Amino acid sequence: MLKFSAKENKLREKLYRNEIQNQVFQTVKTMLVKLKSKNLRHYLQHITNKSAKSSSFTRTRTICILTGRSRSVYRFFRLSRIKIREYANAGYFTGVAKSSW
């Protein structure tokens, strides 16, 4: 479990470091599109494409903080559906009722 959380934290730190730089490049690039300056626009596009692939928030995975499971994790609780079900049945979450149909 510690392996997953350390990996996740390392990736998120990397994203936060590159976030400001990517936002600056995007705003300058949109301004240059309006100015029709092709050379600067292509240069900035080259710089943004050269940045790391893992500098995108869509590549992050939500991981359960108890089990390390990466599938079906609820963002609000940061728990997998299995642990949420266990805790809800134990009565740790107020207002959660068992449903069946």
N, C-alpha and C. Protein backbone atom coordinates (compact mmCIF):
# COMPACT_ATOMS: atom_id res chain seq x y z
N MET A 1 0.82 -1.20 0.00
CA MET A 1 0.00 0.00 0.00
C MET A 1 0.86 1.25 0.00
N LEU A 2 1.96 1.26 0.72
CA LEU A 2 2.82 2.43 0.77
C LEU A 2 3.45 2.69 -0.59
N LYS A 3 3.70 1.62 -1.35
CA LYS A 3 4.29 1.77 -2.67
C LYS A 3 3.38 2.59 -3.57
N PHE A 4 2.07 2.29 -3.51
CA PHE A 4 1.13 2.99 -4.36
C PHE A 4 0.98 4.44 -3.96
N SER A 5 0.87 4.71 -2.67
CA SER A 5 0.66 6.09 -2.24
C SER A 5 1.91 6.93 -2.49
N ALA A 6 3.10 6.36 -2.35
CA ALA A 6 4.32 7.10 -2.63
C ALA A 6 4.43 7.41 -4.12
N LYS A 7 4.06 6.44 -4.95
CA LYS A 7 4.10 6.64 -6.39
C LYS A 7 3.09 7.71 -6.81
N GLU A 8 1.91 7.64 -6.22
CA GLU A 8 0.88 8.62 -6.53
C GLU A 8 1.32 10.02 -6.10
N ASN A 9 1.89 10.14 -4.91
CA ASN A 9 2.33 11.44 -4.42
C ASN A 9 3.44 12.01 -5.28
N LYS A 10 4.36 11.17 -5.72
CA LYS A 10 5.46 11.62 -6.57
C LYS A 10 4.93 12.15 -7.90
N LEU A 11 3.96 11.45 -8.48
CA LEU A 11 3.38 11.88 -9.74
C LEU A 11 2.64 13.20 -9.58
N ARG A 12 1.90 13.34 -8.50
CA ARG A 12 1.15 14.58 -8.29
C ARG A 12 2.07 15.77 -8.03
N GLU A 13 3.19 15.56 -7.34
CA GLU A 13 4.16 16.64 -7.16
C GLU A 13 4.72 17.09 -8.50
N LYS A 14 5.01 16.14 -9.37
CA LYS A 14 5.52 16.45 -10.69
C LYS A 14 4.49 17.26 -11.50
N LEU A 15 3.23 16.89 -11.35
CA LEU A 15 2.17 17.61 -12.06
C LEU A 15 2.05 19.05 -11.57
N TYR A 16 2.11 19.25 -10.27
CA TYR A 16 1.99 20.61 -9.73
C TYR A 16 3.16 21.48 -10.14
N ARG A 17 4.35 20.88 -10.26
CA ARG A 17 5.51 21.67 -10.70
C ARG A 17 5.34 22.14 -12.14
N ASN A 18 4.80 21.29 -13.00
CA ASN A 18 4.66 21.63 -14.42
C ASN A 18 3.38 22.37 -14.74
N GLU A 19 2.45 22.45 -13.78
CA GLU A 19 1.15 23.04 -14.05
C GLU A 19 1.24 24.51 -14.44
N ILE A 20 1.99 25.28 -13.70
CA ILE A 20 2.10 26.72 -13.97
C ILE A 20 2.77 26.96 -15.32
N GLN A 21 3.83 26.22 -15.59
CA GLN A 21 4.53 26.37 -16.85
C GLN A 21 3.61 26.06 -18.03
N ASN A 22 2.83 24.99 -17.93
CA ASN A 22 1.93 24.62 -19.02
C ASN A 22 0.82 25.66 -19.19
N GLN A 23 0.32 26.23 -18.10
CA GLN A 23 -0.72 27.25 -18.22
C GLN A 23 -0.19 28.50 -18.90
N VAL A 24 1.04 28.89 -18.57
CA VAL A 24 1.64 30.06 -19.21
C VAL A 24 1.80 29.83 -20.70
N PHE A 25 2.30 28.65 -21.08
CA PHE A 25 2.47 28.34 -22.50
C PHE A 25 1.13 28.34 -23.23
N GLN A 26 0.09 27.80 -22.61
CA GLN A 26 -1.21 27.75 -23.26
C GLN A 26 -1.79 29.14 -23.47
N THR A 27 -1.66 30.03 -22.48
CA THR A 27 -2.21 31.37 -22.64
C THR A 27 -1.43 32.17 -23.68
N VAL A 28 -0.11 32.03 -23.68
CA VAL A 28 0.70 32.74 -24.67
C VAL A 28 0.41 32.20 -26.06
N LYS A 29 0.21 30.89 -26.16
CA LYS A 29 -0.07 30.29 -27.46
C LYS A 29 -1.41 30.80 -28.02
N THR A 30 -2.42 30.93 -27.16
CA THR A 30 -3.70 31.44 -27.64
C THR A 30 -3.60 32.91 -28.04
N MET A 31 -2.77 33.67 -27.33
CA MET A 31 -2.58 35.07 -27.71
C MET A 31 -1.86 35.16 -29.05
N LEU A 32 -0.92 34.27 -29.29
CA LEU A 32 -0.18 34.30 -30.55
C LEU A 32 -1.04 33.86 -31.73
N VAL A 33 -2.02 33.02 -31.48
CA VAL A 33 -2.94 32.63 -32.55
C VAL A 33 -3.71 33.85 -33.03
N LYS A 34 -4.08 34.71 -32.10
CA LYS A 34 -4.79 35.94 -32.47
C LYS A 34 -3.89 36.90 -33.21
N LEU A 35 -2.59 36.88 -32.89
CA LEU A 35 -1.65 37.79 -33.55
C LEU A 35 -1.11 37.25 -34.87
N LYS A 36 -1.42 36.01 -35.18
CA LYS A 36 -1.00 35.36 -36.43
C LYS A 36 0.52 35.27 -36.56
N SER A 37 1.22 35.11 -35.45
CA SER A 37 2.67 34.96 -35.48
C SER A 37 2.99 33.47 -35.50
N LYS A 38 3.30 32.95 -36.68
CA LYS A 38 3.48 31.51 -36.83
C LYS A 38 4.78 31.01 -36.20
N ASN A 39 5.85 31.77 -36.31
CA ASN A 39 7.14 31.29 -35.79
C ASN A 39 7.10 31.11 -34.28
N LEU A 40 6.61 32.10 -33.57
CA LEU A 40 6.53 31.98 -32.11
C LEU A 40 5.52 30.92 -31.68
N ARG A 41 4.42 30.83 -32.42
CA ARG A 41 3.42 29.84 -32.08
C ARG A 41 3.98 28.42 -32.24
N HIS A 42 4.72 28.18 -33.32
CA HIS A 42 5.31 26.86 -33.53
C HIS A 42 6.39 26.57 -32.50
N TYR A 43 7.13 27.59 -32.10
CA TYR A 43 8.15 27.39 -31.08
C TYR A 43 7.53 27.00 -29.75
N LEU A 44 6.47 27.71 -29.35
CA LEU A 44 5.79 27.38 -28.09
C LEU A 44 5.10 26.03 -28.16
N GLN A 45 4.57 25.70 -29.33
CA GLN A 45 3.95 24.40 -29.50
C GLN A 45 4.99 23.29 -29.37
N HIS A 46 6.18 23.52 -29.88
CA HIS A 46 7.27 22.56 -29.76
C HIS A 46 7.67 22.38 -28.30
N ILE A 47 7.72 23.47 -27.55
CA ILE A 47 8.09 23.38 -26.13
C ILE A 47 7.03 22.63 -25.33
N THR A 48 5.75 22.90 -25.60
CA THR A 48 4.69 22.21 -24.84
C THR A 48 4.64 20.74 -25.21
N ASN A 49 4.89 20.39 -26.45
CA ASN A 49 4.89 18.98 -26.84
C ASN A 49 6.10 18.25 -26.27
N LYS A 50 7.18 18.97 -26.03
CA LYS A 50 8.39 18.37 -25.49
C LYS A 50 8.27 18.05 -24.01
N SER A 51 7.30 18.66 -23.33
CA SER A 51 7.14 18.41 -21.90
C SER A 51 6.75 16.96 -21.67
N ALA A 52 6.94 16.48 -20.48
CA ALA A 52 6.74 15.07 -20.16
C ALA A 52 5.29 14.65 -20.40
N LYS A 53 5.13 13.41 -20.84
CA LYS A 53 3.79 12.89 -21.07
C LYS A 53 3.03 12.78 -19.76
N SER A 54 3.76 12.53 -18.69
CA SER A 54 3.10 12.34 -17.40
C SER A 54 2.76 13.67 -16.73
N SER A 55 2.87 14.78 -17.44
CA SER A 55 2.55 16.07 -16.85
C SER A 55 1.10 16.45 -17.12
N SER A 56 0.26 15.47 -17.32
CA SER A 56 -1.16 15.70 -17.55
C SER A 56 -1.96 15.07 -16.42
N PHE A 57 -2.98 15.79 -15.93
CA PHE A 57 -3.78 15.28 -14.83
C PHE A 57 -4.61 14.07 -15.24
N THR A 58 -4.84 13.88 -16.54
CA THR A 58 -5.63 12.73 -16.96
C THR A 58 -4.87 11.42 -16.77
N ARG A 59 -3.58 11.48 -16.57
CA ARG A 59 -2.79 10.27 -16.36
C ARG A 59 -2.73 9.82 -14.91
N THR A 60 -3.23 10.64 -14.00
CA THR A 60 -3.20 10.24 -12.60
C THR A 60 -4.29 9.21 -12.34
N ARG A 61 -4.04 8.33 -11.40
CA ARG A 61 -5.00 7.30 -11.02
C ARG A 61 -5.43 7.56 -9.58
N THR A 62 -6.72 7.39 -9.33
CA THR A 62 -7.17 7.45 -7.96
C THR A 62 -6.96 6.07 -7.35
N ILE A 63 -6.35 6.03 -6.20
CA ILE A 63 -5.98 4.78 -5.56
C ILE A 63 -6.60 4.75 -4.16
N CYS A 64 -7.15 3.61 -3.80
CA CYS A 64 -7.74 3.43 -2.47
C CYS A 64 -6.64 3.55 -1.42
N ILE A 65 -6.89 4.35 -0.38
CA ILE A 65 -5.85 4.58 0.61
C ILE A 65 -5.68 3.40 1.56
N LEU A 66 -6.64 2.49 1.57
CA LEU A 66 -6.53 1.33 2.46
C LEU A 66 -5.98 0.10 1.75
N THR A 67 -6.47 -0.16 0.54
CA THR A 67 -6.10 -1.40 -0.14
C THR A 67 -5.12 -1.20 -1.28
N GLY A 68 -5.03 0.01 -1.82
CA GLY A 68 -4.18 0.24 -2.98
C GLY A 68 -4.86 -0.10 -4.29
N ARG A 69 -6.14 -0.40 -4.24
CA ARG A 69 -6.91 -0.76 -5.43
C ARG A 69 -7.13 0.49 -6.29
N SER A 70 -6.94 0.34 -7.59
CA SER A 70 -7.07 1.50 -8.47
C SER A 70 -8.38 1.52 -9.25
N ARG A 71 -9.16 0.48 -9.16
CA ARG A 71 -10.43 0.43 -9.88
C ARG A 71 -11.58 0.75 -8.92
N SER A 72 -12.58 1.43 -9.46
CA SER A 72 -13.81 1.79 -8.75
C SER A 72 -13.54 2.43 -7.40
N VAL A 73 -12.82 3.54 -7.44
CA VAL A 73 -12.49 4.30 -6.23
C VAL A 73 -13.34 5.55 -6.21
N TYR A 74 -14.04 5.80 -5.11
CA TYR A 74 -14.83 7.01 -4.94
C TYR A 74 -13.92 8.15 -4.51
N ARG A 75 -13.98 9.24 -5.25
CA ARG A 75 -13.07 10.36 -4.98
C ARG A 75 -13.33 11.01 -3.63
N PHE A 76 -14.58 11.11 -3.25
CA PHE A 76 -14.93 11.80 -2.00
C PHE A 76 -14.30 11.11 -0.80
N PHE A 77 -14.35 9.79 -0.78
CA PHE A 77 -13.81 9.04 0.35
C PHE A 77 -12.38 8.56 0.12
N ARG A 78 -11.95 8.50 -1.12
CA ARG A 78 -10.67 7.90 -1.54
C ARG A 78 -10.60 6.44 -1.10
N LEU A 79 -11.76 5.77 -1.17
CA LEU A 79 -11.87 4.36 -0.83
C LEU A 79 -12.49 3.61 -2.00
N SER A 80 -12.15 2.32 -2.11
CA SER A 80 -12.75 1.51 -3.16
C SER A 80 -14.17 1.13 -2.77
N ARG A 81 -14.93 0.65 -3.72
CA ARG A 81 -16.33 0.30 -3.47
C ARG A 81 -16.45 -0.83 -2.46
N ILE A 82 -15.47 -1.69 -2.42
CA ILE A 82 -15.50 -2.82 -1.49
C ILE A 82 -15.38 -2.32 -0.06
N LYS A 83 -14.44 -1.42 0.19
CA LYS A 83 -14.26 -0.88 1.55
C LYS A 83 -15.43 0.01 1.95
N ILE A 84 -15.99 0.75 1.00
CA ILE A 84 -17.16 1.58 1.31
C ILE A 84 -18.32 0.69 1.72
N ARG A 85 -18.48 -0.42 1.03
CA ARG A 85 -19.57 -1.34 1.38
C ARG A 85 -19.36 -1.92 2.78
N GLU A 86 -18.12 -2.31 3.08
CA GLU A 86 -17.83 -2.86 4.41
C GLU A 86 -18.10 -1.83 5.51
N TYR A 87 -17.61 -0.60 5.31
CA TYR A 87 -17.79 0.43 6.33
C TYR A 87 -19.23 0.88 6.45
N ALA A 88 -19.97 0.90 5.33
CA ALA A 88 -21.38 1.29 5.38
C ALA A 88 -22.18 0.24 6.14
N ASN A 89 -21.87 -1.04 5.91
CA ASN A 89 -22.57 -2.10 6.64
C ASN A 89 -22.22 -2.10 8.12
N ALA A 90 -21.00 -1.67 8.45
CA ALA A 90 -20.59 -1.60 9.85
C ALA A 90 -21.18 -0.38 10.55
N GLY A 91 -21.69 0.59 9.77
CA GLY A 91 -22.33 1.75 10.37
C GLY A 91 -21.42 2.95 10.54
N TYR A 92 -20.29 2.97 9.85
CA TYR A 92 -19.37 4.11 9.97
C TYR A 92 -19.86 5.34 9.20
N PHE A 93 -20.63 5.14 8.15
CA PHE A 93 -21.17 6.25 7.37
C PHE A 93 -22.62 6.46 7.75
N THR A 94 -22.95 7.68 8.18
CA THR A 94 -24.34 7.96 8.52
C THR A 94 -25.16 8.23 7.28
N GLY A 95 -26.40 7.80 7.28
CA GLY A 95 -27.28 8.06 6.17
C GLY A 95 -27.14 7.11 5.02
N VAL A 96 -26.35 6.08 5.13
CA VAL A 96 -26.17 5.11 4.06
C VAL A 96 -27.00 3.89 4.40
N ALA A 97 -27.90 3.52 3.50
CA ALA A 97 -28.75 2.37 3.74
C ALA A 97 -28.42 1.28 2.72
N LYS A 98 -28.57 0.05 3.12
CA LYS A 98 -28.33 -1.06 2.22
C LYS A 98 -29.47 -1.09 1.20
N SER A 99 -29.11 -1.21 -0.05
CA SER A 99 -30.13 -1.21 -1.09
C SER A 99 -30.14 -2.55 -1.80
N SER A 100 -31.32 -2.98 -2.19
CA SER A 100 -31.48 -4.19 -2.98
C SER A 100 -32.72 -4.01 -3.84
N TRP A 101 -32.69 -4.58 -5.02
CA TRP A 101 -33.85 -4.44 -5.90
C TRP A 101 -34.12 -5.72 -6.61
